[in-house]
Amino acid sequence: MLAHKFSLNIPDKTYRTLKARASFEDRSVSDLILFSIKKTFENEEESLRFISGSNEVFAKEWSSSEDEKAFKNLQKFRPKR
């Protein structure tokens, strides 16, 4: 598994809360943050299945003639280089 380093600017009050919680649970702040991220994405697979299933429908709807006309109209207002 690849590990990626990521830097966060966490407000002091939030960091103190994280540090106290991590100490209470006998964990590190990093472990607590990673656990929170994993919990956040637990249901992500279900969401991704929904999104991938709706992509085809969205693509069909996007290519309607009404959308083509709207897109061409918007191109008129595009800044010229």
Foldseek 3Di string as FASTA:
>chain_A
DDDDDDDDDDDPVVVVVLCVVCVVVVHHSVVVVVVVVCVVCVCVVVVVVVVVVCVVVVVVVCPDPVNVVVVVVVVVVDDDD
